[in-house]
Amino acid sequence: MKWIVQAAPQDASNFNWDALAAIGTTFAAVTALVIWIVDMRRRRRDRTSAAKLLAVRLISDVEQLSRVFASSLSEMNGGHRSPTAEDQMDFMQGYTKSLSLNYVAARSLVQAQMDAVDLERFERLADQVGIMPARVSDSLAELLRRSISLQNAAKRVGSDPTPARVEGGLVSYFCEMVQTHECTKQCLLMLYSVSGLLQTDVHETPAARH
């Protein structure tokens, strides 16, 4: 500011004080804008880092769900790794019809499969998905919704010991599992994308290799 004062005419009444004020206002506005941009970029980096960390933590939970569903479906499919939709429906009908003849065994099988589905930690972490990109948080919400729907379908299996009712409950249960398993695979693709990690074949089970 010293040079401005020195350059100013001796008669202060002829100095353009409005121009000087405008310069000061512009400088303050530019400074505020720079600070805002720097802060926005910092917060964006922090948000990205937090999203990556959450994605890494969620991957293990979703992988575990995927392995449980893959193992159960592989058993239903007679060990076939990637049956067509038509073949899978044939496998499902034969498998559920056989199980429906013994509702106690059917309930025990479903209960054992559901005992392996642990949603507690996943549900806790799901509360933080707001930091994720919208498409990822929507996919995770859909997975949680389907997992809960699967648990409800499992509870209905064998509630009526009539073979036809047991078979219907099993078909509904396994249909839900197929859809939930597909949802886990979509979620994993998105989570790996956010985390920056390389994805391995997490869907292969020992039974599926033969």
N, C-alpha and C. Protein backbone atom coordinates (compact mmCIF):
# COMPACT_ATOMS: atom_id res chain seq x y z
N MET A 1 0.83 -1.21 0.00
CA MET A 1 0.00 0.00 0.00
C MET A 1 0.86 1.26 0.00
N LYS A 2 2.15 1.13 0.39
CA LYS A 2 3.01 2.30 0.52
C LYS A 2 3.16 3.01 -0.81
N TRP A 3 3.32 2.18 -1.90
CA TRP A 3 3.53 2.79 -3.22
C TRP A 3 2.29 3.54 -3.69
N ILE A 4 1.13 3.07 -3.24
CA ILE A 4 -0.10 3.77 -3.62
C ILE A 4 -0.15 5.14 -2.95
N VAL A 5 0.27 5.18 -1.67
CA VAL A 5 0.26 6.43 -0.93
C VAL A 5 1.25 7.41 -1.54
N GLN A 6 2.46 6.89 -1.90
CA GLN A 6 3.49 7.74 -2.48
C GLN A 6 3.07 8.28 -3.84
N ALA A 7 2.35 7.38 -4.60
CA ALA A 7 1.93 7.80 -5.93
C ALA A 7 0.71 8.71 -5.91
N ALA A 8 0.08 8.81 -4.77
CA ALA A 8 -1.13 9.61 -4.67
C ALA A 8 -0.79 11.09 -4.78
N PRO A 9 -1.63 11.87 -5.37
CA PRO A 9 -1.38 13.31 -5.47
C PRO A 9 -1.41 13.94 -4.09
N GLN A 10 -0.65 15.10 -3.96
CA GLN A 10 -0.59 15.77 -2.68
C GLN A 10 -1.97 16.24 -2.23
N ASP A 11 -2.81 16.56 -3.22
CA ASP A 11 -4.17 16.98 -2.92
C ASP A 11 -5.04 15.75 -2.85
N ALA A 12 -5.31 15.28 -1.63
CA ALA A 12 -6.06 14.02 -1.44
C ALA A 12 -7.46 14.10 -2.02
N SER A 13 -7.94 15.32 -2.21
CA SER A 13 -9.29 15.45 -2.73
C SER A 13 -9.39 14.97 -4.16
N ASN A 14 -8.22 14.93 -4.88
CA ASN A 14 -8.22 14.48 -6.27
C ASN A 14 -7.92 12.99 -6.42
N PHE A 15 -7.67 12.30 -5.30
CA PHE A 15 -7.34 10.86 -5.36
C PHE A 15 -8.63 10.04 -5.45
N ASN A 16 -8.61 9.01 -6.28
CA ASN A 16 -9.79 8.16 -6.49
C ASN A 16 -9.86 7.09 -5.40
N TRP A 17 -10.44 7.49 -4.28
CA TRP A 17 -10.54 6.54 -3.16
C TRP A 17 -11.51 5.40 -3.48
N ASP A 18 -12.48 5.61 -4.33
CA ASP A 18 -13.42 4.54 -4.70
C ASP A 18 -12.70 3.41 -5.43
N ALA A 19 -11.76 3.79 -6.30
CA ALA A 19 -10.99 2.77 -7.03
C ALA A 19 -10.16 1.96 -6.07
N LEU A 20 -9.55 2.64 -5.08
CA LEU A 20 -8.75 1.93 -4.09
C LEU A 20 -9.61 0.97 -3.27
N ALA A 21 -10.81 1.41 -2.92
CA ALA A 21 -11.73 0.55 -2.16
C ALA A 21 -12.15 -0.65 -2.99
N ALA A 22 -12.36 -0.41 -4.29
CA ALA A 22 -12.75 -1.50 -5.19
C ALA A 22 -11.65 -2.54 -5.29
N ILE A 23 -10.40 -2.06 -5.36
CA ILE A 23 -9.26 -2.98 -5.41
C ILE A 23 -9.21 -3.84 -4.13
N GLY A 24 -9.39 -3.17 -3.01
CA GLY A 24 -9.37 -3.91 -1.73
C GLY A 24 -10.49 -4.94 -1.65
N THR A 25 -11.68 -4.55 -2.11
CA THR A 25 -12.82 -5.47 -2.09
C THR A 25 -12.58 -6.67 -2.99
N THR A 26 -12.03 -6.39 -4.19
CA THR A 26 -11.73 -7.48 -5.13
C THR A 26 -10.69 -8.43 -4.56
N PHE A 27 -9.65 -7.86 -3.94
CA PHE A 27 -8.60 -8.68 -3.34
C PHE A 27 -9.18 -9.58 -2.25
N ALA A 28 -10.06 -9.01 -1.41
CA ALA A 28 -10.68 -9.79 -0.33
C ALA A 28 -11.55 -10.92 -0.89
N ALA A 29 -12.29 -10.61 -1.98
CA ALA A 29 -13.16 -11.61 -2.59
C ALA A 29 -12.35 -12.75 -3.19
N VAL A 30 -11.24 -12.38 -3.89
CA VAL A 30 -10.37 -13.41 -4.49
C VAL A 30 -9.75 -14.28 -3.40
N THR A 31 -9.31 -13.66 -2.32
CA THR A 31 -8.71 -14.40 -1.21
C THR A 31 -9.72 -15.39 -0.61
N ALA A 32 -10.95 -14.91 -0.41
CA ALA A 32 -12.00 -15.78 0.14
C ALA A 32 -12.30 -16.95 -0.80
N LEU A 33 -12.30 -16.66 -2.11
CA LEU A 33 -12.57 -17.71 -3.10
C LEU A 33 -11.47 -18.76 -3.09
N VAL A 34 -10.22 -18.32 -3.02
CA VAL A 34 -9.09 -19.26 -2.98
C VAL A 34 -9.17 -20.14 -1.74
N ILE A 35 -9.46 -19.52 -0.61
CA ILE A 35 -9.58 -20.28 0.64
C ILE A 35 -10.69 -21.31 0.52
N TRP A 36 -11.82 -20.91 -0.07
CA TRP A 36 -12.96 -21.82 -0.23
C TRP A 36 -12.61 -23.00 -1.14
N ILE A 37 -11.91 -22.71 -2.25
CA ILE A 37 -11.52 -23.77 -3.19
C ILE A 37 -10.55 -24.75 -2.53
N VAL A 38 -9.56 -24.21 -1.81
CA VAL A 38 -8.60 -25.07 -1.12
C VAL A 38 -9.30 -25.95 -0.08
N ASP A 39 -10.22 -25.36 0.68
CA ASP A 39 -10.95 -26.11 1.70
C ASP A 39 -11.85 -27.17 1.06
N MET A 40 -12.48 -26.82 -0.07
CA MET A 40 -13.35 -27.78 -0.75
C MET A 40 -12.54 -28.96 -1.25
N ARG A 41 -11.37 -28.69 -1.83
CA ARG A 41 -10.52 -29.78 -2.31
C ARG A 41 -10.02 -30.65 -1.16
N ARG A 42 -9.70 -30.02 -0.05
CA ARG A 42 -9.25 -30.80 1.11
C ARG A 42 -10.36 -31.71 1.61
N ARG A 43 -11.59 -31.15 1.71
CA ARG A 43 -12.71 -31.96 2.17
C ARG A 43 -13.03 -33.08 1.20
N ARG A 44 -12.87 -32.80 -0.12
CA ARG A 44 -13.11 -33.84 -1.12
C ARG A 44 -12.10 -34.96 -0.98
N ARG A 45 -10.82 -34.59 -0.74
CA ARG A 45 -9.79 -35.62 -0.53
C ARG A 45 -10.08 -36.43 0.72
N ASP A 46 -10.51 -35.74 1.79
CA ASP A 46 -10.83 -36.44 3.03
C ASP A 46 -12.01 -37.39 2.83
N ARG A 47 -13.01 -36.93 2.08
CA ARG A 47 -14.19 -37.76 1.82
C ARG A 47 -13.82 -38.98 0.98
N THR A 48 -12.96 -38.76 -0.03
CA THR A 48 -12.52 -39.87 -0.87
C THR A 48 -11.73 -40.88 -0.06
N SER A 49 -10.86 -40.40 0.82
CA SER A 49 -10.07 -41.30 1.66
C SER A 49 -10.96 -42.09 2.61
N ALA A 50 -11.97 -41.40 3.18
CA ALA A 50 -12.89 -42.08 4.09
C ALA A 50 -13.72 -43.13 3.34
N ALA A 51 -14.12 -42.81 2.11
CA ALA A 51 -14.90 -43.76 1.31
C ALA A 51 -14.05 -44.98 0.97
N LYS A 52 -12.77 -44.78 0.65
CA LYS A 52 -11.88 -45.91 0.35
C LYS A 52 -11.73 -46.81 1.57
N LEU A 53 -11.53 -46.19 2.72
CA LEU A 53 -11.37 -46.97 3.96
C LEU A 53 -12.62 -47.77 4.26
N LEU A 54 -13.80 -47.15 4.13
CA LEU A 54 -15.05 -47.85 4.40
C LEU A 54 -15.26 -48.97 3.39
N ALA A 55 -14.90 -48.74 2.12
CA ALA A 55 -15.04 -49.78 1.09
C ALA A 55 -14.20 -50.99 1.44
N VAL A 56 -12.97 -50.76 1.90
CA VAL A 56 -12.09 -51.87 2.28
C VAL A 56 -12.70 -52.66 3.43
N ARG A 57 -13.27 -51.96 4.40
CA ARG A 57 -13.87 -52.64 5.55
C ARG A 57 -15.12 -53.42 5.15
N LEU A 58 -15.88 -52.88 4.20
CA LEU A 58 -17.11 -53.55 3.78
C LEU A 58 -16.85 -54.74 2.87
N ILE A 59 -15.74 -54.71 2.14
CA ILE A 59 -15.45 -55.79 1.19
C ILE A 59 -15.43 -57.15 1.88
N SER A 60 -14.78 -57.23 3.03
CA SER A 60 -14.68 -58.52 3.72
C SER A 60 -16.05 -59.04 4.13
N ASP A 61 -16.95 -58.15 4.55
CA ASP A 61 -18.29 -58.57 4.96
C ASP A 61 -19.12 -59.03 3.77
N VAL A 62 -19.03 -58.30 2.67
CA VAL A 62 -19.80 -58.67 1.49
C VAL A 62 -19.24 -59.93 0.86
N GLU A 63 -17.91 -60.09 0.89
CA GLU A 63 -17.30 -61.32 0.38
C GLU A 63 -17.77 -62.53 1.19
N GLN A 64 -17.87 -62.35 2.51
CA GLN A 64 -18.32 -63.45 3.35
C GLN A 64 -19.75 -63.84 3.00
N LEU A 65 -20.61 -62.85 2.80
CA LEU A 65 -21.99 -63.13 2.38
C LEU A 65 -22.00 -63.87 1.04
N SER A 66 -21.18 -63.40 0.11
CA SER A 66 -21.13 -64.00 -1.21
C SER A 66 -20.69 -65.46 -1.13
N ARG A 67 -19.70 -65.75 -0.29
CA ARG A 67 -19.22 -67.13 -0.15
C ARG A 67 -20.29 -68.04 0.45
N VAL A 68 -21.02 -67.53 1.42
CA VAL A 68 -22.09 -68.32 2.05
C VAL A 68 -23.16 -68.66 1.02
N PHE A 69 -23.58 -67.64 0.26
CA PHE A 69 -24.63 -67.87 -0.75
C PHE A 69 -24.13 -68.78 -1.86
N ALA A 70 -22.88 -68.59 -2.30
CA ALA A 70 -22.32 -69.41 -3.38
C ALA A 70 -22.25 -70.87 -2.96
N SER A 71 -21.85 -71.10 -1.70
CA SER A 71 -21.76 -72.48 -1.20
C SER A 71 -23.13 -73.13 -1.13
N SER A 72 -24.11 -72.40 -0.62
CA SER A 72 -25.47 -72.95 -0.50
C SER A 72 -26.07 -73.22 -1.87
N LEU A 73 -25.87 -72.30 -2.81
CA LEU A 73 -26.42 -72.48 -4.16
C LEU A 73 -25.69 -73.58 -4.91
N SER A 74 -24.39 -73.73 -4.66
CA SER A 74 -23.64 -74.81 -5.29
C SER A 74 -24.17 -76.17 -4.85
N GLU A 75 -24.51 -76.27 -3.58
CA GLU A 75 -25.10 -77.51 -3.06
C GLU A 75 -26.44 -77.77 -3.74
N MET A 76 -27.24 -76.73 -3.88
CA MET A 76 -28.54 -76.88 -4.52
C MET A 76 -28.38 -77.25 -5.99
N ASN A 77 -27.34 -76.71 -6.64
CA ASN A 77 -27.12 -76.95 -8.06
C ASN A 77 -26.33 -78.22 -8.35
N GLY A 78 -26.14 -79.03 -7.32
CA GLY A 78 -25.41 -80.28 -7.52
C GLY A 78 -23.95 -80.08 -7.84
N GLY A 79 -23.38 -78.97 -7.39
CA GLY A 79 -21.96 -78.71 -7.61
C GLY A 79 -21.65 -77.99 -8.90
N HIS A 80 -22.65 -77.74 -9.72
CA HIS A 80 -22.41 -77.01 -10.97
C HIS A 80 -22.11 -75.55 -10.64
N ARG A 81 -21.04 -75.04 -11.22
CA ARG A 81 -20.57 -73.71 -10.86
C ARG A 81 -21.42 -72.59 -11.46
N SER A 82 -21.71 -72.67 -12.73
CA SER A 82 -22.44 -71.59 -13.41
C SER A 82 -23.56 -72.15 -14.27
N PRO A 83 -24.60 -72.68 -13.65
CA PRO A 83 -25.71 -73.21 -14.44
C PRO A 83 -26.48 -72.09 -15.13
N THR A 84 -27.13 -72.42 -16.22
CA THR A 84 -28.00 -71.44 -16.86
C THR A 84 -29.21 -71.22 -15.96
N ALA A 85 -29.95 -70.16 -16.24
CA ALA A 85 -31.14 -69.88 -15.43
C ALA A 85 -32.13 -71.04 -15.50
N GLU A 86 -32.25 -71.64 -16.70
CA GLU A 86 -33.18 -72.76 -16.87
C GLU A 86 -32.71 -73.98 -16.08
N ASP A 87 -31.41 -74.28 -16.18
CA ASP A 87 -30.87 -75.43 -15.43
C ASP A 87 -30.99 -75.20 -13.93
N GLN A 88 -30.73 -73.98 -13.51
CA GLN A 88 -30.82 -73.69 -12.08
C GLN A 88 -32.23 -73.88 -11.56
N MET A 89 -33.22 -73.50 -12.36
CA MET A 89 -34.60 -73.71 -11.95
C MET A 89 -34.92 -75.20 -11.85
N ASP A 90 -34.37 -76.00 -12.77
CA ASP A 90 -34.58 -77.45 -12.71
C ASP A 90 -33.93 -78.03 -11.46
N PHE A 91 -32.69 -77.58 -11.18
CA PHE A 91 -32.01 -78.04 -9.97
C PHE A 91 -32.81 -77.67 -8.72
N MET A 92 -33.30 -76.44 -8.71
CA MET A 92 -34.04 -75.95 -7.55
C MET A 92 -35.31 -76.77 -7.32
N GLN A 93 -36.02 -77.06 -8.38
CA GLN A 93 -37.27 -77.82 -8.24
C GLN A 93 -37.01 -79.22 -7.70
N GLY A 94 -35.97 -79.88 -8.24
CA GLY A 94 -35.64 -81.22 -7.75
C GLY A 94 -35.15 -81.20 -6.32
N TYR A 95 -34.34 -80.21 -5.99
CA TYR A 95 -33.75 -80.11 -4.65
C TYR A 95 -34.83 -79.81 -3.61
N THR A 96 -35.70 -78.85 -3.91
CA THR A 96 -36.73 -78.46 -2.94
C THR A 96 -37.80 -79.55 -2.78
N LYS A 97 -38.10 -80.25 -3.87
CA LYS A 97 -39.10 -81.32 -3.78
C LYS A 97 -38.60 -82.44 -2.86
N SER A 98 -37.31 -82.76 -2.99
CA SER A 98 -36.73 -83.79 -2.14
C SER A 98 -36.71 -83.34 -0.68
N LEU A 99 -36.33 -82.09 -0.45
CA LEU A 99 -36.27 -81.58 0.93
C LEU A 99 -37.65 -81.45 1.56
N SER A 100 -38.65 -81.19 0.75
CA SER A 100 -39.99 -80.93 1.29
C SER A 100 -40.61 -82.16 1.95
N LEU A 101 -40.05 -83.33 1.66
CA LEU A 101 -40.60 -84.57 2.26
C LEU A 101 -40.24 -84.69 3.73
N ASN A 102 -39.27 -83.89 4.18
CA ASN A 102 -38.87 -83.91 5.58
C ASN A 102 -38.70 -82.46 6.04
N TYR A 103 -39.76 -81.89 6.57
CA TYR A 103 -39.72 -80.47 6.90
C TYR A 103 -38.73 -80.16 8.02
N VAL A 104 -38.48 -81.14 8.90
CA VAL A 104 -37.49 -80.93 9.97
C VAL A 104 -36.10 -80.75 9.37
N ALA A 105 -35.77 -81.61 8.41
CA ALA A 105 -34.46 -81.50 7.75
C ALA A 105 -34.38 -80.20 6.95
N ALA A 106 -35.50 -79.82 6.34
CA ALA A 106 -35.52 -78.59 5.56
C ALA A 106 -35.27 -77.38 6.46
N ARG A 107 -35.94 -77.35 7.59
CA ARG A 107 -35.75 -76.23 8.53
C ARG A 107 -34.33 -76.20 9.07
N SER A 108 -33.78 -77.39 9.35
CA SER A 108 -32.41 -77.47 9.89
C SER A 108 -31.40 -76.95 8.87
N LEU A 109 -31.60 -77.32 7.59
CA LEU A 109 -30.69 -76.87 6.55
C LEU A 109 -30.73 -75.35 6.40
N VAL A 110 -31.93 -74.82 6.33
CA VAL A 110 -32.08 -73.38 6.16
C VAL A 110 -31.52 -72.62 7.36
N GLN A 111 -31.77 -73.15 8.56
CA GLN A 111 -31.27 -72.51 9.76
C GLN A 111 -29.75 -72.48 9.79
N ALA A 112 -29.14 -73.60 9.37
CA ALA A 112 -27.67 -73.66 9.34
C ALA A 112 -27.10 -72.65 8.34
N GLN A 113 -27.77 -72.51 7.22
CA GLN A 113 -27.30 -71.54 6.23
C GLN A 113 -27.45 -70.11 6.74
N MET A 114 -28.55 -69.83 7.41
CA MET A 114 -28.77 -68.47 7.92
C MET A 114 -27.86 -68.15 9.10
N ASP A 115 -27.46 -69.18 9.85
CA ASP A 115 -26.53 -68.94 10.97
C ASP A 115 -25.19 -68.43 10.45
N ALA A 116 -24.87 -68.77 9.21
CA ALA A 116 -23.61 -68.33 8.61
C ALA A 116 -23.69 -66.92 8.04
N VAL A 117 -24.90 -66.38 7.99
CA VAL A 117 -25.10 -65.02 7.46
C VAL A 117 -25.07 -64.03 8.62
N ASP A 118 -23.96 -63.32 8.74
CA ASP A 118 -23.79 -62.36 9.83
C ASP A 118 -23.93 -60.94 9.28
N LEU A 119 -25.03 -60.30 9.63
CA LEU A 119 -25.29 -58.95 9.11
C LEU A 119 -25.01 -57.86 10.14
N GLU A 120 -24.65 -58.25 11.36
CA GLU A 120 -24.52 -57.26 12.43
C GLU A 120 -23.47 -56.19 12.11
N ARG A 121 -22.25 -56.61 11.76
CA ARG A 121 -21.20 -55.63 11.47
C ARG A 121 -21.52 -54.90 10.17
N PHE A 122 -22.06 -55.61 9.21
CA PHE A 122 -22.42 -54.97 7.94
C PHE A 122 -23.46 -53.89 8.17
N GLU A 123 -24.43 -54.15 9.04
CA GLU A 123 -25.47 -53.15 9.33
C GLU A 123 -24.88 -51.92 10.01
N ARG A 124 -23.90 -52.13 10.90
CA ARG A 124 -23.27 -51.00 11.57
C ARG A 124 -22.50 -50.13 10.57
N LEU A 125 -21.74 -50.78 9.71
CA LEU A 125 -20.97 -50.03 8.72
C LEU A 125 -21.87 -49.37 7.69
N ALA A 126 -23.03 -50.01 7.43
CA ALA A 126 -23.95 -49.46 6.43
C ALA A 126 -24.48 -48.08 6.83
N ASP A 127 -24.43 -47.77 8.12
CA ASP A 127 -24.87 -46.45 8.58
C ASP A 127 -23.96 -45.33 8.06
N GLN A 128 -22.75 -45.71 7.61
CA GLN A 128 -21.79 -44.71 7.16
C GLN A 128 -21.72 -44.58 5.64
N VAL A 129 -22.58 -45.29 4.93
CA VAL A 129 -22.45 -45.33 3.47
C VAL A 129 -22.77 -44.00 2.80
N GLY A 130 -23.21 -43.01 3.56
CA GLY A 130 -23.49 -41.71 2.98
C GLY A 130 -22.27 -41.05 2.37
N ILE A 131 -21.06 -41.48 2.79
CA ILE A 131 -19.84 -40.90 2.23
C ILE A 131 -19.48 -41.55 0.89
N MET A 132 -20.18 -42.62 0.54
CA MET A 132 -19.92 -43.30 -0.73
C MET A 132 -20.62 -42.57 -1.89
N PRO A 133 -20.15 -42.82 -3.12
CA PRO A 133 -20.90 -42.33 -4.28
C PRO A 133 -22.33 -42.88 -4.24
N ALA A 134 -23.27 -42.14 -4.77
CA ALA A 134 -24.69 -42.51 -4.67
C ALA A 134 -24.97 -43.91 -5.20
N ARG A 135 -24.37 -44.27 -6.33
CA ARG A 135 -24.64 -45.58 -6.92
C ARG A 135 -24.17 -46.71 -6.01
N VAL A 136 -23.08 -46.48 -5.26
CA VAL A 136 -22.56 -47.50 -4.35
C VAL A 136 -23.45 -47.61 -3.11
N SER A 137 -23.82 -46.48 -2.54
CA SER A 137 -24.67 -46.51 -1.35
C SER A 137 -26.03 -47.11 -1.67
N ASP A 138 -26.56 -46.84 -2.87
CA ASP A 138 -27.84 -47.43 -3.28
C ASP A 138 -27.71 -48.94 -3.42
N SER A 139 -26.60 -49.40 -3.98
CA SER A 139 -26.38 -50.83 -4.15
C SER A 139 -26.25 -51.53 -2.80
N LEU A 140 -25.56 -50.91 -1.86
CA LEU A 140 -25.40 -51.49 -0.52
C LEU A 140 -26.74 -51.54 0.21
N ALA A 141 -27.54 -50.49 0.05
CA ALA A 141 -28.86 -50.46 0.67
C ALA A 141 -29.74 -51.59 0.10
N GLU A 142 -29.63 -51.82 -1.20
CA GLU A 142 -30.39 -52.89 -1.84
C GLU A 142 -29.93 -54.26 -1.33
N LEU A 143 -28.62 -54.42 -1.14
CA LEU A 143 -28.10 -55.69 -0.61
C LEU A 143 -28.62 -55.94 0.80
N LEU A 144 -28.61 -54.91 1.62
CA LEU A 144 -29.11 -55.07 2.99
C LEU A 144 -30.60 -55.41 2.98
N ARG A 145 -31.35 -54.74 2.10
CA ARG A 145 -32.78 -55.01 2.01
C ARG A 145 -33.03 -56.46 1.58
N ARG A 146 -32.29 -56.93 0.59
CA ARG A 146 -32.47 -58.29 0.11
C ARG A 146 -32.05 -59.32 1.15
N SER A 147 -30.99 -59.01 1.90
CA SER A 147 -30.53 -59.94 2.94
C SER A 147 -31.58 -60.10 4.03
N ILE A 148 -32.21 -59.00 4.41
CA ILE A 148 -33.27 -59.06 5.40
C ILE A 148 -34.48 -59.82 4.85
N SER A 149 -34.79 -59.59 3.57
CA SER A 149 -35.89 -60.32 2.93
C SER A 149 -35.59 -61.81 2.90
N LEU A 150 -34.33 -62.17 2.66
CA LEU A 150 -33.93 -63.58 2.66
C LEU A 150 -34.11 -64.20 4.04
N GLN A 151 -33.74 -63.47 5.07
CA GLN A 151 -33.92 -63.97 6.43
C GLN A 151 -35.40 -64.20 6.74
N ASN A 152 -36.24 -63.31 6.28
CA ASN A 152 -37.69 -63.48 6.50
C ASN A 152 -38.22 -64.69 5.74
N ALA A 153 -37.71 -64.91 4.51
CA ALA A 153 -38.13 -66.09 3.74
C ALA A 153 -37.69 -67.37 4.44
N ALA A 154 -36.51 -67.33 5.06
CA ALA A 154 -36.00 -68.51 5.77
C ALA A 154 -36.90 -68.86 6.96
N LYS A 155 -37.41 -67.84 7.64
CA LYS A 155 -38.27 -68.08 8.81
C LYS A 155 -39.58 -68.76 8.42
N ARG A 156 -40.01 -68.56 7.18
CA ARG A 156 -41.29 -69.14 6.74
C ARG A 156 -41.17 -70.59 6.31
N VAL A 157 -39.92 -71.05 6.08
CA VAL A 157 -39.73 -72.43 5.63
C VAL A 157 -40.09 -73.39 6.75
N GLY A 158 -41.02 -74.30 6.47
CA GLY A 158 -41.39 -75.31 7.45
C GLY A 158 -42.35 -74.84 8.50
N SER A 159 -42.84 -73.62 8.39
CA SER A 159 -43.83 -73.15 9.37
C SER A 159 -45.11 -73.97 9.26
N ASP A 160 -45.35 -74.50 8.07
CA ASP A 160 -46.44 -75.45 7.83
C ASP A 160 -45.79 -76.73 7.30
N PRO A 161 -45.91 -77.86 8.02
CA PRO A 161 -45.21 -79.09 7.64
C PRO A 161 -45.75 -79.77 6.39
N THR A 162 -46.84 -79.27 5.82
CA THR A 162 -47.37 -79.87 4.60
C THR A 162 -46.30 -79.81 3.50
N PRO A 163 -45.99 -80.95 2.86
CA PRO A 163 -44.92 -80.97 1.84
C PRO A 163 -45.05 -79.88 0.79
N ALA A 164 -46.26 -79.64 0.30
CA ALA A 164 -46.44 -78.62 -0.73
C ALA A 164 -46.08 -77.23 -0.19
N ARG A 165 -46.45 -76.98 1.10
CA ARG A 165 -46.12 -75.68 1.71
C ARG A 165 -44.62 -75.55 1.94
N VAL A 166 -44.01 -76.66 2.38
CA VAL A 166 -42.56 -76.64 2.62
C VAL A 166 -41.82 -76.39 1.31
N GLU A 167 -42.27 -77.07 0.26
CA GLU A 167 -41.63 -76.89 -1.05
C GLU A 167 -41.78 -75.45 -1.54
N GLY A 168 -42.96 -74.88 -1.38
CA GLY A 168 -43.18 -73.50 -1.79
C GLY A 168 -42.30 -72.54 -1.02
N GLY A 169 -42.16 -72.80 0.29
CA GLY A 169 -41.30 -71.95 1.12
C GLY A 169 -39.84 -72.05 0.71
N LEU A 170 -39.41 -73.27 0.37
CA LEU A 170 -38.02 -73.47 -0.05
C LEU A 170 -37.74 -72.80 -1.39
N VAL A 171 -38.69 -72.90 -2.32
CA VAL A 171 -38.51 -72.25 -3.62
C VAL A 171 -38.39 -70.74 -3.44
N SER A 172 -39.25 -70.16 -2.61
CA SER A 172 -39.20 -68.73 -2.34
C SER A 172 -37.87 -68.35 -1.69
N TYR A 173 -37.41 -69.18 -0.77
CA TYR A 173 -36.16 -68.93 -0.06
C TYR A 173 -34.96 -68.95 -1.02
N PHE A 174 -34.89 -69.97 -1.85
CA PHE A 174 -33.74 -70.08 -2.75
C PHE A 174 -33.80 -69.04 -3.88
N CYS A 175 -34.99 -68.66 -4.30
CA CYS A 175 -35.11 -67.57 -5.28
C CYS A 175 -34.57 -66.27 -4.70
N GLU A 176 -34.90 -66.02 -3.44
CA GLU A 176 -34.37 -64.84 -2.75
C GLU A 176 -32.85 -64.92 -2.65
N MET A 177 -32.34 -66.12 -2.38
CA MET A 177 -30.89 -66.27 -2.25
C MET A 177 -30.18 -66.01 -3.57
N VAL A 178 -30.75 -66.50 -4.67
CA VAL A 178 -30.15 -66.26 -5.99
C VAL A 178 -30.05 -64.76 -6.25
N GLN A 179 -31.12 -64.04 -5.98
CA GLN A 179 -31.14 -62.60 -6.22
C GLN A 179 -30.18 -61.86 -5.28
N THR A 180 -30.12 -62.30 -4.02
CA THR A 180 -29.22 -61.67 -3.05
C THR A 180 -27.77 -61.92 -3.43
N HIS A 181 -27.48 -63.13 -3.90
CA HIS A 181 -26.11 -63.45 -4.32
C HIS A 181 -25.69 -62.58 -5.50
N GLU A 182 -26.57 -62.38 -6.45
CA GLU A 182 -26.26 -61.50 -7.58
C GLU A 182 -26.00 -60.07 -7.09
N CYS A 183 -26.74 -59.66 -6.08
CA CYS A 183 -26.57 -58.32 -5.52
C CYS A 183 -25.20 -58.19 -4.85
N THR A 184 -24.73 -59.25 -4.18
CA THR A 184 -23.41 -59.19 -3.54
C THR A 184 -22.32 -59.01 -4.59
N LYS A 185 -22.49 -59.67 -5.73
CA LYS A 185 -21.47 -59.56 -6.78
C LYS A 185 -21.42 -58.15 -7.35
N GLN A 186 -22.58 -57.53 -7.52
CA GLN A 186 -22.61 -56.15 -8.00
C GLN A 186 -21.98 -55.20 -6.98
N CYS A 187 -22.29 -55.43 -5.71
CA CYS A 187 -21.73 -54.58 -4.65
C CYS A 187 -20.21 -54.70 -4.60
N LEU A 188 -19.71 -55.92 -4.75
CA LEU A 188 -18.27 -56.13 -4.70
C LEU A 188 -17.56 -55.40 -5.83
N LEU A 189 -18.13 -55.44 -7.02
CA LEU A 189 -17.53 -54.71 -8.14
C LEU A 189 -17.41 -53.22 -7.82
N MET A 190 -18.47 -52.66 -7.25
CA MET A 190 -18.47 -51.23 -6.92
C MET A 190 -17.52 -50.92 -5.77
N LEU A 191 -17.50 -51.77 -4.75
CA LEU A 191 -16.63 -51.54 -3.60
C LEU A 191 -15.16 -51.63 -3.99
N TYR A 192 -14.82 -52.60 -4.83
CA TYR A 192 -13.44 -52.69 -5.29
C TYR A 192 -13.07 -51.46 -6.12
N SER A 193 -14.00 -50.96 -6.90
CA SER A 193 -13.75 -49.76 -7.70
C SER A 193 -13.45 -48.57 -6.80
N VAL A 194 -14.21 -48.41 -5.72
CA VAL A 194 -14.01 -47.30 -4.80
C VAL A 194 -12.71 -47.46 -4.01
N SER A 195 -12.43 -48.70 -3.59
CA SER A 195 -11.26 -48.95 -2.74
C SER A 195 -9.95 -48.84 -3.49
N GLY A 196 -9.99 -49.07 -4.80
CA GLY A 196 -8.76 -49.04 -5.58
C GLY A 196 -8.00 -50.35 -5.52
N LEU A 197 -8.55 -51.36 -4.84
CA LEU A 197 -7.91 -52.66 -4.75
C LEU A 197 -8.21 -53.48 -6.00
N LEU A 198 -7.41 -54.53 -6.21
CA LEU A 198 -7.66 -55.44 -7.30
C LEU A 198 -8.58 -56.55 -6.82
N GLN A 199 -9.60 -56.88 -7.61
CA GLN A 199 -10.56 -57.90 -7.23
C GLN A 199 -10.10 -59.27 -7.70
N THR A 200 -10.21 -60.25 -6.80
CA THR A 200 -9.94 -61.64 -7.14
C THR A 200 -11.26 -62.36 -7.30
N ASP A 201 -11.21 -63.60 -7.69
CA ASP A 201 -12.44 -64.37 -7.87
C ASP A 201 -12.95 -64.81 -6.51
N VAL A 202 -13.77 -63.97 -5.87
CA VAL A 202 -14.24 -64.25 -4.52
C VAL A 202 -15.44 -65.17 -4.51
N HIS A 203 -15.99 -65.50 -5.70
CA HIS A 203 -17.20 -66.30 -5.74
C HIS A 203 -16.91 -67.79 -5.87
N GLU A 204 -15.64 -68.15 -6.09
CA GLU A 204 -15.32 -69.56 -6.29
C GLU A 204 -15.27 -70.26 -4.95
N THR A 205 -15.91 -71.37 -4.83
CA THR A 205 -15.91 -72.16 -3.62
C THR A 205 -15.22 -73.47 -3.90
N PRO A 206 -14.72 -74.18 -2.86
CA PRO A 206 -14.07 -75.46 -3.07
C PRO A 206 -14.97 -76.42 -3.87
N ALA A 207 -16.27 -76.43 -3.55
CA ALA A 207 -17.16 -77.35 -4.23
C ALA A 207 -17.31 -76.98 -5.70
N ALA A 208 -17.17 -75.68 -6.01
CA ALA A 208 -17.39 -75.23 -7.37
C ALA A 208 -16.21 -75.53 -8.27
N ARG A 209 -15.06 -75.87 -7.70
CA ARG A 209 -13.87 -76.12 -8.51
C ARG A 209 -13.91 -77.50 -9.15
N HIS A 210 -14.78 -78.37 -8.66
CA HIS A 210 -14.82 -79.75 -9.17
C HIS A 210 -15.93 -79.92 -10.18
